[in-house]
Amino acid sequence: MNPENQTPIPVFAGTVNRVVDENHRITVPASWRHPEVSELYAMPDPRQPSMVLMAAGEMEKIRISVESDPSIPRADARAFVRQLYAAARPCAMDRQGRLVLPAEECGRLGLTGEVVLIGGGARIEIWTQEEWARIAERERSILTEIADRIGF
């Protein structure tokens, strides 16, 4: 992959409350919008009850990482990539920064009304307020432990 041809991967940071409306639309914060990214891919997190949004460049980075990892059997890497892309739904962003999220996943994850958007570096996570409060409390000790370990 030629670095000059890559779309830059945006960085998302912070925590923002938003509303998922009855049409499954959500507004991305203005500071998280990037002119080179007009579409994000939405998919459920395979490990926790949240939705993940990422740019195409981040998905490609994950694919390359998995396919080039010699510790992952080739058939498993192919299955992972297949499942990753099968779960992803493109969400075009309009001029106001609104995305239409996949209705089925919003229903399954309970993403209606007030939700929390979490900046996760190259990804945005969408959580119900209750789930985010629970996971944030549980992960506080991990943050402290690793911060101590690395001297932050």
Foldseek 3Di string as FASTA:
>chain_A
DDPVPDQDQFFFADKDKWFLEPQRKTADDPVRDDPSAQKWKWFADPPDLKIKTAGPRVLVVVLVVLCPDPVQDNVRSVVVNVVVVVRIDIWGADPRRMTRDDPVSCVVSVRGTIWMWHGDTSMIIIHRPVRVVVVVVVCPVVVVVVCVVVVD
